[in-house]
Amino acid sequence: MFQVGVEEFASSQAAVILVGYYPGQDPNELIAFLRETFPDLPAVQNDRLYPIPTIDTEAGIRIIDGLEAIAHAIHPEAFQ
């Protein structure tokens, strides 16, 4: 697992943030936290925060769903 510190994340200038969430978690709460805590990030300012169910990113046939959701989040213009 890859982890970064809060300071590094805050200075990342992320254009897109994929918000992984587990079954039973409310991704809207996680997104609200990001909006409140990191309002200066370009992804927050441009509303490019995308919830991705973690179950769709685990090894198995559902990974295709996760990869498609990630592709839509990063390059929505490719799906128009």
PDB file of N, CA and C in Angstrom:
ATOM      1  N   MET A   1       0.846  -1.173   0.000  1.00  0.00           N
ATOM      2  CA  MET A   1       0.000   0.000   0.000  1.00  0.00           C
ATOM      3  C   MET A   1       0.890   1.235   0.000  1.00  0.00           C
ATOM      4  N   PHE A   2       0.486   2.216  -0.755  1.00  0.00           N
ATOM      5  CA  PHE A   2       1.219   3.472  -0.866  1.00  0.00           C
ATOM      6  C   PHE A   2       0.525   4.520  -0.007  1.00  0.00           C
ATOM      7  N   GLN A   3       1.292   5.212   0.805  1.00  0.00           N
ATOM      8  CA  GLN A   3       0.723   6.254   1.655  1.00  0.00           C
ATOM      9  C   GLN A   3       1.558   7.520   1.552  1.00  0.00           C
ATOM     10  N   VAL A   4       0.891   8.658   1.669  1.00  0.00           N
ATOM     11  CA  VAL A   4       1.580   9.949   1.719  1.00  0.00           C
ATOM     12  C   VAL A   4       1.084  10.698   2.945  1.00  0.00           C
ATOM     13  N   GLY A   5       1.881  11.621   3.410  1.00  0.00           N
ATOM     14  CA  GLY A   5       1.494  12.434   4.551  1.00  0.00           C
ATOM     15  C   GLY A   5       0.505  13.516   4.149  1.00  0.00           C
ATOM     16  N   VAL A   6      -0.136  14.093   5.142  1.00  0.00           N
ATOM     17  CA  VAL A   6      -1.129  15.142   4.907  1.00  0.00           C
ATOM     18  C   VAL A   6      -0.502  16.333   4.200  1.00  0.00           C
ATOM     19  N   GLU A   7       0.697  16.729   4.617  1.00  0.00           N
ATOM     20  CA  GLU A   7       1.350  17.880   4.008  1.00  0.00           C
ATOM     21  C   GLU A   7       1.664  17.621   2.537  1.00  0.00           C
ATOM     22  N   GLU A   8       2.155  16.413   2.250  1.00  0.00           N
ATOM     23  CA  GLU A   8       2.474  16.067   0.870  1.00  0.00           C
ATOM     24  C   GLU A   8       1.204  16.023   0.015  1.00  0.00           C
ATOM     25  N   PHE A   9       0.140  15.470   0.568  1.00  0.00           N
ATOM     26  CA  PHE A   9      -1.129  15.416  -0.159  1.00  0.00           C
ATOM     27  C   PHE A   9      -1.643  16.826  -0.418  1.00  0.00           C
ATOM     28  N   ALA A  10      -1.583  17.685   0.594  1.00  0.00           N
ATOM     29  CA  ALA A  10      -2.085  19.055   0.461  1.00  0.00           C
ATOM     30  C   ALA A  10      -1.306  19.840  -0.586  1.00  0.00           C
ATOM     31  N   SER A  11      -0.041  19.530  -0.770  1.00  0.00           N
ATOM     32  CA  SER A  11       0.773  20.269  -1.740  1.00  0.00           C
ATOM     33  C   SER A  11       0.851  19.557  -3.095  1.00  0.00           C
ATOM     34  N   SER A  12       0.088  18.515  -3.282  1.00  0.00           N
ATOM     35  CA  SER A  12       0.193  17.687  -4.494  1.00  0.00           C
ATOM     36  C   SER A  12      -0.335  18.350  -5.754  1.00  0.00           C
ATOM     37  N   GLN A  13      -1.225  19.316  -5.623  1.00  0.00           N
ATOM     38  CA  GLN A  13      -1.863  19.945  -6.781  1.00  0.00           C
ATOM     39  C   GLN A  13      -2.608  18.922  -7.633  1.00  0.00           C
ATOM     40  N   ALA A  14      -3.222  17.949  -6.971  1.00  0.00           N
ATOM     41  CA  ALA A  14      -3.962  16.888  -7.666  1.00  0.00           C
ATOM     42  C   ALA A  14      -5.086  17.470  -8.505  1.00  0.00           C
ATOM     43  N   ALA A  15      -5.148  17.043  -9.765  1.00  0.00           N
ATOM     44  CA  ALA A  15      -6.203  17.486 -10.673  1.00  0.00           C
ATOM     45  C   ALA A  15      -7.447  16.616 -10.544  1.00  0.00           C
ATOM     46  N   VAL A  16      -7.258  15.377 -10.123  1.00  0.00           N
ATOM     47  CA  VAL A  16      -8.343  14.409  -9.944  1.00  0.00           C
ATOM     48  C   VAL A  16      -8.050  13.619  -8.674  1.00  0.00           C
ATOM     49  N   ILE A  17      -9.089  13.362  -7.886  1.00  0.00           N
ATOM     50  CA  ILE A  17      -8.926  12.508  -6.706  1.00  0.00           C
ATOM     51  C   ILE A  17      -9.948  11.387  -6.807  1.00  0.00           C
ATOM     52  N   LEU A  18      -9.446  10.159  -6.765  1.00  0.00           N
ATOM     53  CA  LEU A  18     -10.297   8.979  -6.724  1.00  0.00           C
ATOM     54  C   LEU A  18     -10.508   8.650  -5.251  1.00  0.00           C
ATOM     55  N   VAL A  19     -11.755   8.628  -4.834  1.00  0.00           N
ATOM     56  CA  VAL A  19     -12.099   8.430  -3.431  1.00  0.00           C
ATOM     57  C   VAL A  19     -12.547   6.983  -3.244  1.00  0.00           C
ATOM     58  N   GLY A  20     -11.630   6.143  -2.794  1.00  0.00           N
ATOM     59  CA  GLY A  20     -11.966   4.746  -2.551  1.00  0.00           C
ATOM     60  C   GLY A  20     -12.798   4.619  -1.291  1.00  0.00           C
ATOM     61  N   TYR A  21     -13.855   3.804  -1.385  1.00  0.00           N
ATOM     62  CA  TYR A  21     -14.687   3.590  -0.200  1.00  0.00           C
ATOM     63  C   TYR A  21     -15.089   2.123  -0.107  1.00  0.00           C
ATOM     64  N   TYR A  22     -15.258   1.685   1.128  1.00  0.00           N
ATOM     65  CA  TYR A  22     -15.606   0.303   1.434  1.00  0.00           C
ATOM     66  C   TYR A  22     -17.121   0.147   1.547  1.00  0.00           C
ATOM     67  N   PRO A  23     -17.628  -1.072   1.374  1.00  0.00           N
ATOM     68  CA  PRO A  23     -19.062  -1.298   1.591  1.00  0.00           C
ATOM     69  C   PRO A  23     -19.467  -0.801   2.981  1.00  0.00           C
ATOM     70  N   GLY A  24     -20.557  -0.072   3.026  1.00  0.00           N
ATOM     71  CA  GLY A  24     -21.034   0.493   4.295  1.00  0.00           C
ATOM     72  C   GLY A  24     -20.538   1.897   4.551  1.00  0.00           C
ATOM     73  N   GLN A  25     -19.503   2.338   3.847  1.00  0.00           N
ATOM     74  CA  GLN A  25     -19.009   3.708   3.983  1.00  0.00           C
ATOM     75  C   GLN A  25     -19.812   4.616   3.065  1.00  0.00           C
ATOM     76  N   ASP A  26     -19.998   5.839   3.486  1.00  0.00           N
ATOM     77  CA  ASP A  26     -20.677   6.826   2.654  1.00  0.00           C
ATOM     78  C   ASP A  26     -19.614   7.662   1.948  1.00  0.00           C
ATOM     79  N   PRO A  27     -19.460   7.501   0.636  1.00  0.00           N
ATOM     80  CA  PRO A  27     -18.428   8.270  -0.059  1.00  0.00           C
ATOM     81  C   PRO A  27     -18.663   9.774   0.004  1.00  0.00           C
ATOM     82  N   ASN A  28     -19.904  10.189   0.190  1.00  0.00           N
ATOM     83  CA  ASN A  28     -20.193  11.622   0.294  1.00  0.00           C
ATOM     84  C   ASN A  28     -19.562  12.227   1.539  1.00  0.00           C
ATOM     85  N   GLU A  29     -19.458  11.454   2.601  1.00  0.00           N
ATOM     86  CA  GLU A  29     -18.781  11.940   3.808  1.00  0.00           C
ATOM     87  C   GLU A  29     -17.291  12.126   3.543  1.00  0.00           C
ATOM     88  N   LEU A  30     -16.693  11.194   2.808  1.00  0.00           N
ATOM     89  CA  LEU A  30     -15.276  11.307   2.479  1.00  0.00           C
ATOM     90  C   LEU A  30     -15.032  12.511   1.577  1.00  0.00           C
ATOM     91  N   ILE A  31     -15.912  12.709   0.622  1.00  0.00           N
ATOM     92  CA  ILE A  31     -15.789  13.853  -0.285  1.00  0.00           C
ATOM     93  C   ILE A  31     -15.979  15.162   0.478  1.00  0.00           C
ATOM     94  N   ALA A  32     -16.931  15.198   1.402  1.00  0.00           N
ATOM     95  CA  ALA A  32     -17.136  16.400   2.221  1.00  0.00           C
ATOM     96  C   ALA A  32     -15.889  16.705   3.039  1.00  0.00           C
ATOM     97  N   PHE A  33     -15.242  15.665   3.577  1.00  0.00           N
ATOM     98  CA  PHE A  33     -14.002  15.848   4.329  1.00  0.00           C
ATOM     99  C   PHE A  33     -12.922  16.464   3.440  1.00  0.00           C
ATOM    100  N   LEU A  34     -12.780  15.945   2.223  1.00  0.00           N
ATOM    101  CA  LEU A  34     -11.772  16.489   1.310  1.00  0.00           C
ATOM    102  C   LEU A  34     -12.062  17.946   0.977  1.00  0.00           C
ATOM    103  N   ARG A  35     -13.316  18.268   0.743  1.00  0.00           N
ATOM    104  CA  ARG A  35     -13.691  19.659   0.418  1.00  0.00           C
ATOM    105  C   ARG A  35     -13.387  20.607   1.569  1.00  0.00           C
ATOM    106  N   GLU A  36     -13.659  20.145   2.779  1.00  0.00           N
ATOM    107  CA  GLU A  36     -13.435  20.986   3.959  1.00  0.00           C
ATOM    108  C   GLU A  36     -11.954  21.110   4.297  1.00  0.00           C
ATOM    109  N   THR A  37     -11.211  20.016   4.168  1.00  0.00           N
ATOM    110  CA  THR A  37      -9.824  19.976   4.616  1.00  0.00           C
ATOM    111  C   THR A  37      -8.835  20.477   3.575  1.00  0.00           C
ATOM    112  N   PHE A  38      -9.144  20.267   2.298  1.00  0.00           N
ATOM    113  CA  PHE A  38      -8.215  20.619   1.223  1.00  0.00           C
ATOM    114  C   PHE A  38      -8.883  21.492   0.157  1.00  0.00           C
ATOM    115  N   PRO A  39      -9.448  22.636   0.543  1.00  0.00           N
ATOM    116  CA  PRO A  39     -10.196  23.460  -0.420  1.00  0.00           C
ATOM    117  C   PRO A  39      -9.336  24.047  -1.543  1.00  0.00           C
ATOM    118  N   ASP A  40      -8.020  24.089  -1.366  1.00  0.00           N
ATOM    119  CA  ASP A  40      -7.158  24.698  -2.370  1.00  0.00           C
ATOM    120  C   ASP A  40      -6.673  23.733  -3.447  1.00  0.00           C
ATOM    121  N   LEU A  41      -6.947  22.450  -3.292  1.00  0.00           N
ATOM    122  CA  LEU A  41      -6.530  21.497  -4.315  1.00  0.00           C
ATOM    123  C   LEU A  41      -7.346  21.696  -5.593  1.00  0.00           C
ATOM    124  N   PRO A  42      -6.695  21.673  -6.737  1.00  0.00           N
ATOM    125  CA  PRO A  42      -7.433  21.822  -7.995  1.00  0.00           C
ATOM    126  C   PRO A  42      -8.580  20.817  -8.150  1.00  0.00           C
ATOM    127  N   ALA A  43      -8.395  19.580  -7.722  1.00  0.00           N
ATOM    128  CA  ALA A  43      -9.461  18.573  -7.830  1.00  0.00           C
ATOM    129  C   ALA A  43     -10.691  18.986  -7.029  1.00  0.00           C
ATOM    130  N   VAL A  44     -10.489  19.602  -5.886  1.00  0.00           N
ATOM    131  CA  VAL A  44     -11.602  20.060  -5.056  1.00  0.00           C
ATOM    132  C   VAL A  44     -12.237  21.288  -5.701  1.00  0.00           C
ATOM    133  N   GLN A  45     -11.428  22.228  -6.109  1.00  0.00           N
ATOM    134  CA  GLN A  45     -11.950  23.453  -6.718  1.00  0.00           C
ATOM    135  C   GLN A  45     -12.729  23.186  -7.999  1.00  0.00           C
ATOM    136  N   ASN A  46     -12.318  22.169  -8.746  1.00  0.00           N
ATOM    137  CA  ASN A  46     -12.960  21.849 -10.025  1.00  0.00           C
ATOM    138  C   ASN A  46     -13.940  20.684  -9.916  1.00  0.00           C
ATOM    139  N   ASP A  47     -14.261  20.280  -8.693  1.00  0.00           N
ATOM    140  CA  ASP A  47     -15.212  19.199  -8.427  1.00  0.00           C
ATOM    141  C   ASP A  47     -14.865  17.933  -9.198  1.00  0.00           C
ATOM    142  N   ARG A  48     -13.601  17.535  -9.106  1.00  0.00           N
ATOM    143  CA  ARG A  48     -13.139  16.305  -9.756  1.00  0.00           C
ATOM    144  C   ARG A  48     -12.776  15.279  -8.694  1.00  0.00           C
ATOM    145  N   LEU A  49     -13.762  14.990  -7.838  1.00  0.00           N
ATOM    146  CA  LEU A  49     -13.647  14.000  -6.767  1.00  0.00           C
ATOM    147  C   LEU A  49     -14.588  12.859  -7.125  1.00  0.00           C
ATOM    148  N   TYR A  50     -14.032  11.682  -7.369  1.00  0.00           N
ATOM    149  CA  TYR A  50     -14.822  10.579  -7.888  1.00  0.00           C
ATOM    150  C   TYR A  50     -14.795   9.380  -6.947  1.00  0.00           C
ATOM    151  N   PRO A  51     -15.966   8.988  -6.436  1.00  0.00           N
ATOM    152  CA  PRO A  51     -16.018   7.812  -5.569  1.00  0.00           C
ATOM    153  C   PRO A  51     -15.847   6.534  -6.391  1.00  0.00           C
ATOM    154  N   ILE A  52     -14.995   5.652  -5.897  1.00  0.00           N
ATOM    155  CA  ILE A  52     -14.742   4.358  -6.535  1.00  0.00           C
ATOM    156  C   ILE A  52     -14.873   3.281  -5.457  1.00  0.00           C
ATOM    157  N   PRO A  53     -15.821   2.348  -5.602  1.00  0.00           N
ATOM    158  CA  PRO A  53     -15.930   1.266  -4.615  1.00  0.00           C
ATOM    159  C   PRO A  53     -14.645   0.430  -4.617  1.00  0.00           C
ATOM    160  N   THR A  54     -14.063   0.233  -3.458  1.00  0.00           N
ATOM    161  CA  THR A  54     -12.812  -0.521  -3.394  1.00  0.00           C
ATOM    162  C   THR A  54     -12.983  -1.949  -3.898  1.00  0.00           C
ATOM    163  N   ILE A  55     -14.169  -2.499  -3.758  1.00  0.00           N
ATOM    164  CA  ILE A  55     -14.403  -3.860  -4.227  1.00  0.00           C
ATOM    165  C   ILE A  55     -14.215  -3.962  -5.743  1.00  0.00           C
ATOM    166  N   ASP A  56     -14.394  -2.844  -6.451  1.00  0.00           N
ATOM    167  CA  ASP A  56     -14.209  -2.822  -7.897  1.00  0.00           C
ATOM    168  C   ASP A  56     -12.751  -2.651  -8.309  1.00  0.00           C
ATOM    169  N   THR A  57     -11.856  -2.556  -7.346  1.00  0.00           N
ATOM    170  CA  THR A  57     -10.439  -2.413  -7.674  1.00  0.00           C
ATOM    171  C   THR A  57      -9.624  -3.602  -7.186  1.00  0.00           C
ATOM    172  N   GLU A  58     -10.296  -4.588  -6.628  1.00  0.00           N
ATOM    173  CA  GLU A  58      -9.601  -5.789  -6.160  1.00  0.00           C
ATOM    174  C   GLU A  58      -9.480  -6.787  -7.308  1.00  0.00           C
ATOM    175  N   ALA A  59      -8.505  -7.666  -7.212  1.00  0.00           N
ATOM    176  CA  ALA A  59      -8.301  -8.670  -8.255  1.00  0.00           C
ATOM    177  C   ALA A  59      -9.564  -9.506  -8.422  1.00  0.00           C
ATOM    178  N   GLY A  60      -9.987  -9.665  -9.648  1.00  0.00           N
ATOM    179  CA  GLY A  60     -11.183 -10.436  -9.958  1.00  0.00           C
ATOM    180  C   GLY A  60     -11.883  -9.823 -11.155  1.00  0.00           C
ATOM    181  N   ILE A  61     -13.028 -10.364 -11.513  1.00  0.00           N
ATOM    182  CA  ILE A  61     -13.702  -9.882 -12.706  1.00  0.00           C
ATOM    183  C   ILE A  61     -14.297  -8.480 -12.533  1.00  0.00           C
ATOM    184  N   ARG A  62     -14.521  -8.058 -11.302  1.00  0.00           N
ATOM    185  CA  ARG A  62     -15.076  -6.724 -11.072  1.00  0.00           C
ATOM    186  C   ARG A  62     -14.062  -5.618 -11.312  1.00  0.00           C
ATOM    187  N   ILE A  63     -12.797  -5.972 -11.447  1.00  0.00           N
ATOM    188  CA  ILE A  63     -11.776  -4.951 -11.654  1.00  0.00           C
ATOM    189  C   ILE A  63     -12.031  -4.166 -12.941  1.00  0.00           C
ATOM    190  N   ILE A  64     -12.677  -4.788 -13.913  1.00  0.00           N
ATOM    191  CA  ILE A  64     -13.011  -4.085 -15.150  1.00  0.00           C
ATOM    192  C   ILE A  64     -13.946  -2.912 -14.850  1.00  0.00           C
ATOM    193  N   ASP A  65     -14.907  -3.114 -13.945  1.00  0.00           N
ATOM    194  CA  ASP A  65     -15.799  -2.015 -13.543  1.00  0.00           C
ATOM    195  C   ASP A  65     -15.001  -0.887 -12.909  1.00  0.00           C
ATOM    196  N   GLY A  66     -14.060  -1.245 -12.058  1.00  0.00           N
ATOM    197  CA  GLY A  66     -13.238  -0.236 -11.403  1.00  0.00           C
ATOM    198  C   GLY A  66     -12.363   0.525 -12.387  1.00  0.00           C
ATOM    199  N   LEU A  67     -11.756  -0.199 -13.306  1.00  0.00           N
ATOM    200  CA  LEU A  67     -10.907   0.453 -14.306  1.00  0.00           C
ATOM    201  C   LEU A  67     -11.717   1.393 -15.199  1.00  0.00           C
ATOM    202  N   GLU A  68     -12.926   0.979 -15.534  1.00  0.00           N
ATOM    203  CA  GLU A  68     -13.789   1.841 -16.348  1.00  0.00           C
ATOM    204  C   GLU A  68     -14.174   3.107 -15.580  1.00  0.00           C
ATOM    205  N   ALA A  69     -14.496   2.963 -14.297  1.00  0.00           N
ATOM    206  CA  ALA A  69     -14.850   4.127 -13.475  1.00  0.00           C
ATOM    207  C   ALA A  69     -13.665   5.079 -13.344  1.00  0.00           C
ATOM    208  N   ILE A  70     -12.472   4.519 -13.189  1.00  0.00           N
ATOM    209  CA  ILE A  70     -11.269   5.356 -13.100  1.00  0.00           C
ATOM    210  C   ILE A  70     -11.030   6.079 -14.420  1.00  0.00           C
ATOM    211  N   ALA A  71     -11.172   5.364 -15.529  1.00  0.00           N
ATOM    212  CA  ALA A  71     -10.975   5.982 -16.843  1.00  0.00           C
ATOM    213  C   ALA A  71     -11.978   7.113 -17.079  1.00  0.00           C
ATOM    214  N   HIS A  72     -13.238   6.895 -16.695  1.00  0.00           N
ATOM    215  CA  HIS A  72     -14.258   7.952 -16.825  1.00  0.00           C
ATOM    216  C   HIS A  72     -13.863   9.170 -15.993  1.00  0.00           C
ATOM    217  N   ALA A  73     -13.352   8.941 -14.788  1.00  0.00           N
ATOM    218  CA  ALA A  73     -12.989  10.048 -13.901  1.00  0.00           C
ATOM    219  C   ALA A  73     -11.821  10.858 -14.447  1.00  0.00           C
ATOM    220  N   ILE A  74     -10.818  10.171 -14.970  1.00  0.00           N
ATOM    221  CA  ILE A  74      -9.618  10.856 -15.416  1.00  0.00           C
ATOM    222  C   ILE A  74      -9.780  11.471 -16.808  1.00  0.00           C
ATOM    223  N   HIS A  75     -10.476  10.760 -17.702  1.00  0.00           N
ATOM    224  CA  HIS A  75     -10.620  11.215 -19.085  1.00  0.00           C
ATOM    225  C   HIS A  75     -12.073  11.128 -19.532  1.00  0.00           C
ATOM    226  N   PRO A  76     -12.964  11.946 -18.953  1.00  0.00           N
ATOM    227  CA  PRO A  76     -14.388  11.855 -19.326  1.00  0.00           C
ATOM    228  C   PRO A  76     -14.638  12.150 -20.795  1.00  0.00           C
ATOM    229  N   GLU A  77     -13.796  12.947 -21.388  1.00  0.00           N
ATOM    230  CA  GLU A  77     -13.986  13.299 -22.796  1.00  0.00           C
ATOM    231  C   GLU A  77     -13.851  12.097 -23.724  1.00  0.00           C
ATOM    232  N   ALA A  78     -13.166  11.062 -23.311  1.00  0.00           N
ATOM    233  CA  ALA A  78     -12.986   9.875 -24.141  1.00  0.00           C
ATOM    234  C   ALA A  78     -14.262   9.038 -24.234  1.00  0.00           C
ATOM    235  N   PHE A  79     -15.241   9.334 -23.391  1.00  0.00           N
ATOM    236  CA  PHE A  79     -16.468   8.549 -23.351  1.00  0.00           C
ATOM    237  C   PHE A  79     -17.666   9.316 -23.883  1.00  0.00           C
ATOM    238  N   GLN A  80     -17.423  10.399 -24.570  1.00  0.00           N
ATOM    239  CA  GLN A  80     -18.530  11.206 -25.113  1.00  0.00           C
ATOM    240  C   GLN A  80     -18.884  10.764 -26.508  1.00  0.00           C
TER     241      GLN A  80
END
